[in-house]
């Protein structure tokens, strides 16, 4: 944990570990909401892993966005 705190700038958490963690948890929450919402759509549900893939894509895109800002 201390190693992570020393290298937070290398992982895109330029404003510190706490704002970065809050941002990461918020992005995870949004990805879960998107996954559940996609699971409720009949056309998306027909494709076996589409809701999970969509949620993972949203999560990865959000984490990249956090790392770049």
PDB file of N, CA and C in Angstrom:
ATOM      1  N   UNK A   1       0.819  -1.189   0.000  1.00  0.00           N
ATOM      2  CA  UNK A   1       0.000   0.000   0.000  1.00  0.00           C
ATOM      3  C   UNK A   1       0.866   1.257   0.000  1.00  0.00           C
ATOM      4  N   UNK A   2       1.933   1.223   0.770  1.00  0.00           N
ATOM      5  CA  UNK A   2       2.793   2.404   0.816  1.00  0.00           C
ATOM      6  C   UNK A   2       3.487   2.629  -0.530  1.00  0.00           C
ATOM      7  N   UNK A   3       3.827   1.520  -1.222  1.00  0.00           N
ATOM      8  CA  UNK A   3       4.432   1.671  -2.544  1.00  0.00           C
ATOM      9  C   UNK A   3       3.461   2.351  -3.494  1.00  0.00           C
ATOM     10  N   UNK A   4       2.181   1.960  -3.448  1.00  0.00           N
ATOM     11  CA  UNK A   4       1.174   2.571  -4.297  1.00  0.00           C
ATOM     12  C   UNK A   4       1.021   4.057  -3.979  1.00  0.00           C
ATOM     13  N   UNK A   5       1.016   4.399  -2.718  1.00  0.00           N
ATOM     14  CA  UNK A   5       0.883   5.805  -2.341  1.00  0.00           C
ATOM     15  C   UNK A   5       2.074   6.635  -2.801  1.00  0.00           C
ATOM     16  N   UNK A   6       3.263   6.041  -2.826  1.00  0.00           N
ATOM     17  CA  UNK A   6       4.441   6.764  -3.292  1.00  0.00           C
ATOM     18  C   UNK A   6       4.420   6.974  -4.802  1.00  0.00           C
ATOM     19  N   UNK A   7       3.758   6.086  -5.532  1.00  0.00           N
ATOM     20  CA  UNK A   7       3.763   6.144  -6.990  1.00  0.00           C
ATOM     21  C   UNK A   7       2.395   6.496  -7.573  1.00  0.00           C
ATOM     22  N   UNK A   8       1.586   7.236  -6.849  1.00  0.00           N
ATOM     23  CA  UNK A   8       0.252   7.570  -7.346  1.00  0.00           C
ATOM     24  C   UNK A   8       0.310   8.423  -8.602  1.00  0.00           C
ATOM     25  N   UNK A   9       1.323   9.247  -8.742  1.00  0.00           N
ATOM     26  CA  UNK A   9       1.453  10.073  -9.939  1.00  0.00           C
ATOM     27  C   UNK A   9       1.702   9.250 -11.192  1.00  0.00           C
ATOM     28  N   UNK A  10       2.314   8.086 -11.040  1.00  0.00           N
ATOM     29  CA  UNK A  10       2.596   7.224 -12.189  1.00  0.00           C
ATOM     30  C   UNK A  10       1.345   6.545 -12.718  1.00  0.00           C
ATOM     31  N   UNK A  11       0.318   6.440 -11.925  1.00  0.00           N
ATOM     32  CA  UNK A  11      -0.899   5.752 -12.326  1.00  0.00           C
ATOM     33  C   UNK A  11      -2.004   6.716 -12.723  1.00  0.00           C
ATOM     34  N   UNK A  12      -1.679   7.957 -12.918  1.00  0.00           N
ATOM     35  CA  UNK A  12      -2.669   8.918 -13.348  1.00  0.00           C
ATOM     36  C   UNK A  12      -3.402   9.603 -12.214  1.00  0.00           C
ATOM     37  N   UNK A  13      -3.054   9.308 -10.989  1.00  0.00           N
ATOM     38  CA  UNK A  13      -3.692   9.955  -9.850  1.00  0.00           C
ATOM     39  C   UNK A  13      -2.873  11.177  -9.462  1.00  0.00           C
ATOM     40  N   UNK A  14      -2.806  12.150 -10.343  1.00  0.00           N
ATOM     41  CA  UNK A  14      -1.941  13.306 -10.124  1.00  0.00           C
ATOM     42  C   UNK A  14      -2.431  14.202  -8.995  1.00  0.00           C
ATOM     43  N   UNK A  15      -3.704  14.103  -8.648  1.00  0.00           N
ATOM     44  CA  UNK A  15      -4.248  14.938  -7.574  1.00  0.00           C
ATOM     45  C   UNK A  15      -4.230  14.230  -6.231  1.00  0.00           C
ATOM     46  N   UNK A  16      -3.649  13.050  -6.170  1.00  0.00           N
ATOM     47  CA  UNK A  16      -3.547  12.322  -4.923  1.00  0.00           C
ATOM     48  C   UNK A  16      -4.292  11.002  -4.973  1.00  0.00           C
ATOM     49  N   UNK A  17      -4.049  10.185  -3.964  1.00  0.00           N
ATOM     50  CA  UNK A  17      -4.646   8.848  -3.926  1.00  0.00           C
ATOM     51  C   UNK A  17      -6.134   8.889  -3.606  1.00  0.00           C
ATOM     52  N   UNK A  18      -6.554   9.775  -2.719  1.00  0.00           N
ATOM     53  CA  UNK A  18      -7.963   9.808  -2.324  1.00  0.00           C
ATOM     54  C   UNK A  18      -8.876  10.236  -3.471  1.00  0.00           C
ATOM     55  N   UNK A  19      -8.608  11.342  -4.175  1.00  0.00           N
ATOM     56  CA  UNK A  19      -9.456  11.679  -5.318  1.00  0.00           C
ATOM     57  C   UNK A  19      -9.409  10.622  -6.418  1.00  0.00           C
ATOM     58  N   UNK A  20      -8.243  10.005  -6.605  1.00  0.00           N
ATOM     59  CA  UNK A  20      -8.136   8.943  -7.601  1.00  0.00           C
ATOM     60  C   UNK A  20      -8.963   7.729  -7.233  1.00  0.00           C
ATOM     61  N   UNK A  21      -8.959   7.377  -5.960  1.00  0.00           N
ATOM     62  CA  UNK A  21      -9.746   6.240  -5.497  1.00  0.00           C
ATOM     63  C   UNK A  21     -11.231   6.535  -5.596  1.00  0.00           C
ATOM     64  N   UNK A  22     -11.628   7.729  -5.221  1.00  0.00           N
ATOM     65  CA  UNK A  22     -13.038   8.117  -5.337  1.00  0.00           C
ATOM     66  C   UNK A  22     -13.474   8.077  -6.799  1.00  0.00           C
ATOM     67  N   UNK A  23     -12.628   8.568  -7.689  1.00  0.00           N
ATOM     68  CA  UNK A  23     -12.941   8.530  -9.109  1.00  0.00           C
ATOM     69  C   UNK A  23     -13.049   7.107  -9.629  1.00  0.00           C
ATOM     70  N   UNK A  24     -12.139   6.236  -9.194  1.00  0.00           N
ATOM     71  CA  UNK A  24     -12.160   4.843  -9.640  1.00  0.00           C
ATOM     72  C   UNK A  24     -13.411   4.126  -9.136  1.00  0.00           C
ATOM     73  N   UNK A  25     -13.803   4.376  -7.894  1.00  0.00           N
ATOM     74  CA  UNK A  25     -15.022   3.757  -7.348  1.00  0.00           C
ATOM     75  C   UNK A  25     -16.254   4.282  -8.080  1.00  0.00           C
ATOM     76  N   UNK A  26     -16.267   5.568  -8.397  1.00  0.00           N
ATOM     77  CA  UNK A  26     -17.396   6.136  -9.129  1.00  0.00           C
ATOM     78  C   UNK A  26     -17.496   5.539 -10.532  1.00  0.00           C
ATOM     79  N   UNK A  27     -16.362   5.371 -11.202  1.00  0.00           N
ATOM     80  CA  UNK A  27     -16.359   4.756 -12.535  1.00  0.00           C
ATOM     81  C   UNK A  27     -16.837   3.309 -12.442  1.00  0.00           C
ATOM     82  N   UNK A  28     -16.421   2.583 -11.420  1.00  0.00           N
ATOM     83  CA  UNK A  28     -16.893   1.210 -11.219  1.00  0.00           C
ATOM     84  C   UNK A  28     -18.400   1.180 -10.992  1.00  0.00           C
ATOM     85  N   UNK A  29     -18.913   2.107 -10.207  1.00  0.00           N
ATOM     86  CA  UNK A  29     -20.350   2.182  -9.956  1.00  0.00           C
ATOM     87  C   UNK A  29     -21.117   2.447 -11.256  1.00  0.00           C
ATOM     88  N   UNK A  30     -20.630   3.382 -12.064  1.00  0.00           N
ATOM     89  CA  UNK A  30     -21.279   3.681 -13.340  1.00  0.00           C
ATOM     90  C   UNK A  30     -21.250   2.450 -14.250  1.00  0.00           C
ATOM     91  N   UNK A  31     -20.138   1.720 -14.266  1.00  0.00           N
ATOM     92  CA  UNK A  31     -20.045   0.515 -15.092  1.00  0.00           C
ATOM     93  C   UNK A  31     -21.039  -0.543 -14.640  1.00  0.00           C
ATOM     94  N   UNK A  32     -21.222  -0.697 -13.332  1.00  0.00           N
ATOM     95  CA  UNK A  32     -22.207  -1.662 -12.819  1.00  0.00           C
ATOM     96  C   UNK A  32     -23.617  -1.244 -13.205  1.00  0.00           C
ATOM     97  N   UNK A  33     -23.925   0.033 -13.096  1.00  0.00           N
ATOM     98  CA  UNK A  33     -25.248   0.525 -13.483  1.00  0.00           C
ATOM     99  C   UNK A  33     -25.491   0.288 -14.971  1.00  0.00           C
ATOM    100  N   UNK A  34     -24.483   0.558 -15.805  1.00  0.00           N
ATOM    101  CA  UNK A  34     -24.623   0.320 -17.250  1.00  0.00           C
ATOM    102  C   UNK A  34     -24.826  -1.170 -17.519  1.00  0.00           C
ATOM    103  N   UNK A  35     -24.103  -2.016 -16.822  1.00  0.00           N
ATOM    104  CA  UNK A  35     -24.266  -3.462 -16.993  1.00  0.00           C
ATOM    105  C   UNK A  35     -25.661  -3.936 -16.631  1.00  0.00           C
ATOM    106  N   UNK A  36     -26.192  -3.461 -15.504  1.00  0.00           N
ATOM    107  CA  UNK A  36     -27.557  -3.839 -15.114  1.00  0.00           C
ATOM    108  C   UNK A  36     -28.594  -3.279 -16.073  1.00  0.00           C
ATOM    109  N   UNK A  37     -28.379  -2.054 -16.536  1.00  0.00           N
ATOM    110  CA  UNK A  37     -29.313  -1.460 -17.492  1.00  0.00           C
ATOM    111  C   UNK A  37     -29.290  -2.222 -18.811  1.00  0.00           C
ATOM    112  N   UNK A  38     -28.111  -2.625 -19.257  1.00  0.00           N
ATOM    113  CA  UNK A  38     -28.019  -3.390 -20.499  1.00  0.00           C
ATOM    114  C   UNK A  38     -28.646  -4.769 -20.346  1.00  0.00           C
ATOM    115  N   UNK A  39     -28.569  -5.323 -19.145  1.00  0.00           N
ATOM    116  CA  UNK A  39     -29.180  -6.636 -18.901  1.00  0.00           C
ATOM    117  C   UNK A  39     -30.702  -6.580 -18.996  1.00  0.00           C
ATOM    118  N   UNK A  40     -31.279  -5.417 -18.765  1.00  0.00           N
ATOM    119  CA  UNK A  40     -32.731  -5.265 -18.817  1.00  0.00           C
ATOM    120  C   UNK A  40     -33.249  -5.121 -20.256  1.00  0.00           C
ATOM    121  N   UNK A  41     -32.366  -4.813 -21.206  1.00  0.00           N
ATOM    122  CA  UNK A  41     -32.772  -4.640 -22.600  1.00  0.00           C
ATOM    123  C   UNK A  41     -32.774  -6.009 -23.268  1.00  0.00           C
ATOM    124  N   UNK A  42     -33.922  -6.381 -23.839  1.00  0.00           N
ATOM    125  CA  UNK A  42     -34.078  -7.729 -24.395  1.00  0.00           C
ATOM    126  C   UNK A  42     -33.104  -8.008 -25.543  1.00  0.00           C
ATOM    127  N   UNK A  43     -32.899  -7.044 -26.437  1.00  0.00           N
ATOM    128  CA  UNK A  43     -31.986  -7.265 -27.560  1.00  0.00           C
ATOM    129  C   UNK A  43     -30.557  -7.496 -27.089  1.00  0.00           C
ATOM    130  N   UNK A  44     -30.148  -6.785 -26.067  1.00  0.00           N
ATOM    131  CA  UNK A  44     -28.781  -6.941 -25.555  1.00  0.00           C
ATOM    132  C   UNK A  44     -28.666  -8.242 -24.777  1.00  0.00           C
ATOM    133  N   UNK A  45     -29.712  -8.611 -24.072  1.00  0.00           N
ATOM    134  CA  UNK A  45     -29.673  -9.816 -23.247  1.00  0.00           C
ATOM    135  C   UNK A  45     -29.557 -11.081 -24.094  1.00  0.00           C
ATOM    136  N   UNK A  46     -30.016 -11.024 -25.339  1.00  0.00           N
ATOM    137  CA  UNK A  46     -29.923 -12.199 -26.218  1.00  0.00           C
ATOM    138  C   UNK A  46     -28.479 -12.588 -26.494  1.00  0.00           C
ATOM    139  N   UNK A  47     -27.598 -11.605 -26.539  1.00  0.00           N
ATOM    140  CA  UNK A  47     -26.168 -11.886 -26.715  1.00  0.00           C
ATOM    141  C   UNK A  47     -25.628 -12.235 -25.332  1.00  0.00           C
ATOM    142  N   UNK A  48     -25.029 -13.374 -25.202  1.00  0.00           N
ATOM    143  CA  UNK A  48     -24.751 -13.960 -23.897  1.00  0.00           C
ATOM    144  C   UNK A  48     -23.965 -13.055 -22.948  1.00  0.00           C
ATOM    145  N   UNK A  49     -22.834 -12.535 -23.380  1.00  0.00           N
ATOM    146  CA  UNK A  49     -21.971 -11.764 -22.479  1.00  0.00           C
ATOM    147  C   UNK A  49     -21.965 -10.279 -22.805  1.00  0.00           C
ATOM    148  N   UNK A  50     -22.935  -9.808 -23.519  1.00  0.00           N
ATOM    149  CA  UNK A  50     -22.949  -8.404 -23.931  1.00  0.00           C
ATOM    150  C   UNK A  50     -23.035  -7.430 -22.758  1.00  0.00           C
ATOM    151  N   UNK A  51     -23.916  -7.640 -21.760  1.00  0.00           N
ATOM    152  CA  UNK A  51     -23.954  -6.678 -20.643  1.00  0.00           C
ATOM    153  C   UNK A  51     -22.637  -6.593 -19.874  1.00  0.00           C
ATOM    154  N   UNK A  52     -22.001  -7.725 -19.661  1.00  0.00           N
ATOM    155  CA  UNK A  52     -20.723  -7.731 -18.942  1.00  0.00           C
ATOM    156  C   UNK A  52     -19.641  -7.057 -19.787  1.00  0.00           C
ATOM    157  N   UNK A  53     -19.640  -7.339 -21.083  1.00  0.00           N
ATOM    158  CA  UNK A  53     -18.654  -6.722 -21.965  1.00  0.00           C
ATOM    159  C   UNK A  53     -18.858  -5.211 -22.038  1.00  0.00           C
ATOM    160  N   UNK A  54     -20.101  -4.775 -22.074  1.00  0.00           N
ATOM    161  CA  UNK A  54     -20.384  -3.343 -22.110  1.00  0.00           C
ATOM    162  C   UNK A  54     -19.942  -2.671 -20.815  1.00  0.00           C
ATOM    163  N   UNK A  55     -20.216  -3.307 -19.684  1.00  0.00           N
ATOM    164  CA  UNK A  55     -19.790  -2.750 -18.401  1.00  0.00           C
ATOM    165  C   UNK A  55     -18.267  -2.697 -18.302  1.00  0.00           C
ATOM    166  N   UNK A  56     -17.598  -3.735 -18.777  1.00  0.00           N
ATOM    167  CA  UNK A  56     -16.128  -3.741 -18.752  1.00  0.00           C
ATOM    168  C   UNK A  56     -15.557  -2.656 -19.655  1.00  0.00           C
ATOM    169  N   UNK A  57     -16.191  -2.442 -20.798  1.00  0.00           N
ATOM    170  CA  UNK A  57     -15.736  -1.393 -21.703  1.00  0.00           C
ATOM    171  C   UNK A  57     -15.897  -0.017 -21.076  1.00  0.00           C
ATOM    172  N   UNK A  58     -17.031   0.213 -20.438  1.00  0.00           N
ATOM    173  CA  UNK A  58     -17.259   1.494 -19.762  1.00  0.00           C
ATOM    174  C   UNK A  58     -16.250   1.691 -18.637  1.00  0.00           C
ATOM    175  N   UNK A  59     -15.975   0.631 -17.885  1.00  0.00           N
ATOM    176  CA  UNK A  59     -15.016   0.733 -16.795  1.00  0.00           C
ATOM    177  C   UNK A  59     -13.616   1.050 -17.320  1.00  0.00           C
ATOM    178  N   UNK A  60     -13.191   0.341 -18.352  1.00  0.00           N
ATOM    179  CA  UNK A  60     -11.853   0.577 -18.912  1.00  0.00           C
ATOM    180  C   UNK A  60     -11.747   1.981 -19.508  1.00  0.00           C
ATOM    181  N   UNK A  61     -12.786   2.411 -20.206  1.00  0.00           N
ATOM    182  CA  UNK A  61     -12.753   3.756 -20.781  1.00  0.00           C
ATOM    183  C   UNK A  61     -12.703   4.810 -19.682  1.00  0.00           C
ATOM    184  N   UNK A  62     -13.457   4.605 -18.610  1.00  0.00           N
ATOM    185  CA  UNK A  62     -13.435   5.532 -17.487  1.00  0.00           C
ATOM    186  C   UNK A  62     -12.088   5.586 -16.792  1.00  0.00           C
ATOM    187  N   UNK A  63     -11.454   4.450 -16.637  1.00  0.00           N
ATOM    188  CA  UNK A  63     -10.147   4.434 -15.990  1.00  0.00           C
ATOM    189  C   UNK A  63      -9.087   5.092 -16.876  1.00  0.00           C
ATOM    190  N   UNK A  64      -9.184   4.884 -18.176  1.00  0.00           N
ATOM    191  CA  UNK A  64      -8.263   5.568 -19.088  1.00  0.00           C
ATOM    192  C   UNK A  64      -8.483   7.070 -19.021  1.00  0.00           C
ATOM    193  N   UNK A  65      -9.742   7.471 -18.985  1.00  0.00           N
ATOM    194  CA  UNK A  65     -10.053   8.897 -18.888  1.00  0.00           C
ATOM    195  C   UNK A  65      -9.486   9.490 -17.590  1.00  0.00           C
ATOM    196  N   UNK A  66      -9.637   8.762 -16.491  1.00  0.00           N
ATOM    197  CA  UNK A  66      -9.075   9.242 -15.227  1.00  0.00           C
ATOM    198  C   UNK A  66      -7.549   9.325 -15.291  1.00  0.00           C
ATOM    199  N   UNK A  67      -6.932   8.375 -15.951  1.00  0.00           N
ATOM    200  CA  UNK A  67      -5.477   8.374 -16.035  1.00  0.00           C
ATOM    201  C   UNK A  67      -4.946   9.517 -16.890  1.00  0.00           C
ATOM    202  N   UNK A  68      -5.726   9.920 -17.882  1.00  0.00           N
ATOM    203  CA  UNK A  68      -5.275  10.983 -18.776  1.00  0.00           C
ATOM    204  C   UNK A  68      -5.574  12.372 -18.264  1.00  0.00           C
ATOM    205  N   UNK A  69      -6.520  12.520 -17.352  1.00  0.00           N
ATOM    206  CA  UNK A  69      -6.855  13.852 -16.853  1.00  0.00           C
ATOM    207  C   UNK A  69      -6.121  14.164 -15.586  1.00  0.00           C
TER     208      UNK A  69
END
